[in-house]
């Protein structure tokens, strides 16, 4: 079956199509012999820090357990401002704004 002719349009229409495209037309991914093989070699993944350790519990290396709620930086800035001068209590503001209207 590999030597069988691929289906395409008639030779006259093929020439018209080539002229209008300005190049030779290719039927990408239409025929089996033009597609990569479906069987791929298995991946060779190296072992990580938790590879083959008997006392390495999942609880100790779960990154989701390290996540905490976001800290409130305004409270930290206000407490630092109260300790220092009155100008230090001013909260930071964004840079210059553009008035578009």
Protein backbone atom coordinates (compact mmCIF):
# COMPACT_ATOMS: atom_id res chain seq x y z
CA UNK A 1 0.00 0.00 0.00
CA UNK A 2 3.01 2.31 0.48
CA UNK A 3 3.52 2.44 -3.31
CA UNK A 4 -0.11 3.30 -4.02
CA UNK A 5 -0.73 6.68 -5.62
CA UNK A 6 -2.08 9.32 -3.31
CA UNK A 7 -5.52 10.68 -4.13
CA UNK A 8 -5.58 14.21 -5.44
CA UNK A 9 -7.53 16.34 -7.90
CA UNK A 10 -7.22 16.13 -11.68
CA UNK A 11 -3.97 17.30 -13.33
CA UNK A 12 -5.60 20.40 -14.87
CA UNK A 13 -7.03 21.55 -11.55
CA UNK A 14 -3.70 20.74 -9.89
CA UNK A 15 -1.92 23.16 -12.27
CA UNK A 16 -4.56 25.86 -11.67
CA UNK A 17 -4.17 25.40 -7.91
CA UNK A 18 -0.38 25.62 -8.15
CA UNK A 19 -0.65 28.79 -10.22
CA UNK A 20 -3.07 30.45 -7.82
CA UNK A 21 -1.09 29.42 -4.73
CA UNK A 22 2.23 30.41 -6.28
CA UNK A 23 3.80 27.22 -4.93
CA UNK A 24 3.33 23.46 -4.96
CA UNK A 25 0.43 22.34 -2.74
CA UNK A 26 1.17 19.79 0.01
CA UNK A 27 -1.45 17.68 1.76
CA UNK A 28 -0.14 17.90 5.32
CA UNK A 29 -1.12 15.06 7.69
CA UNK A 30 -3.50 13.49 5.20
CA UNK A 31 -1.72 10.23 4.50
CA UNK A 32 -0.30 7.75 7.01
CA UNK A 33 3.21 7.56 5.57
CA UNK A 34 3.60 11.34 5.99
CA UNK A 35 2.82 11.28 9.72
CA UNK A 36 5.26 10.49 12.55
CA UNK A 37 5.09 7.07 14.17
CA UNK A 38 2.56 6.74 16.98
CA UNK A 39 4.80 4.58 19.13
CA UNK A 40 7.44 6.58 20.94
CA UNK A 41 10.21 5.33 23.21
CA UNK A 42 9.46 5.52 26.94
CA UNK A 43 10.89 8.57 28.71
CA UNK A 44 14.11 8.23 30.68
CA UNK A 45 13.43 10.50 33.66
CA UNK A 46 16.20 10.79 36.28
CA UNK A 47 15.31 10.30 39.93
CA UNK A 48 14.73 13.38 42.04
CA UNK A 49 15.44 14.13 45.70
CA UNK A 50 12.58 11.88 46.79
CA UNK A 51 13.62 8.92 44.64
CA UNK A 52 14.01 5.60 46.47
CA UNK A 53 13.96 6.91 50.04
CA UNK A 54 12.03 4.88 52.58
CA UNK A 55 11.62 7.63 55.20
CA UNK A 56 10.66 10.39 52.79
CA UNK A 57 7.00 10.99 53.61
CA UNK A 58 4.78 12.97 51.28
CA UNK A 59 3.61 15.24 54.10
CA UNK A 60 7.15 16.54 54.63
CA UNK A 61 7.67 17.49 50.97
CA UNK A 62 4.20 18.71 49.98
CA UNK A 63 4.60 22.30 48.74
CA UNK A 64 0.86 22.98 49.08
CA UNK A 65 1.18 22.81 52.87
CA UNK A 66 3.69 25.69 52.81
CA UNK A 67 1.18 28.09 51.25
CA UNK A 68 -0.19 30.70 53.65
CA UNK A 69 -2.74 33.50 53.23
CA UNK A 70 -1.33 36.76 51.85
CA UNK A 71 0.09 39.15 54.40
CA UNK A 72 -1.52 42.56 54.83
CA UNK A 73 1.27 45.01 53.98
CA UNK A 74 -0.80 48.08 54.93
CA UNK A 75 -0.90 46.92 58.54
CA UNK A 76 2.87 46.42 58.53
CA UNK A 77 3.46 49.86 56.99
CA UNK A 78 1.15 51.55 59.48
CA UNK A 79 2.79 49.91 62.48
CA UNK A 80 6.24 50.88 61.17
CA UNK A 81 4.99 54.42 60.56
CA UNK A 82 3.69 54.74 64.09
CA UNK A 83 7.08 53.82 65.46
CA UNK A 84 8.88 56.36 63.25
CA UNK A 85 7.94 59.85 62.17
CA UNK A 86 4.53 60.98 60.88
CA UNK A 87 5.76 61.11 57.28
CA UNK A 88 6.62 57.40 57.38
CA UNK A 89 2.95 56.54 58.05
CA UNK A 90 1.95 57.71 54.57
CA UNK A 91 1.04 54.74 52.40
CA UNK A 92 2.80 54.31 49.06
CA UNK A 93 0.88 55.45 45.98
CA UNK A 94 1.32 54.49 42.33
CA UNK A 95 3.35 56.64 39.95
CA UNK A 96 2.11 59.39 37.67
CA UNK A 97 -1.24 58.85 36.03
CA UNK A 98 -2.22 59.84 32.53
CA UNK A 99 -5.43 61.86 32.17
CA UNK A 100 -6.77 60.67 28.83
CA UNK A 101 -10.07 62.56 28.85
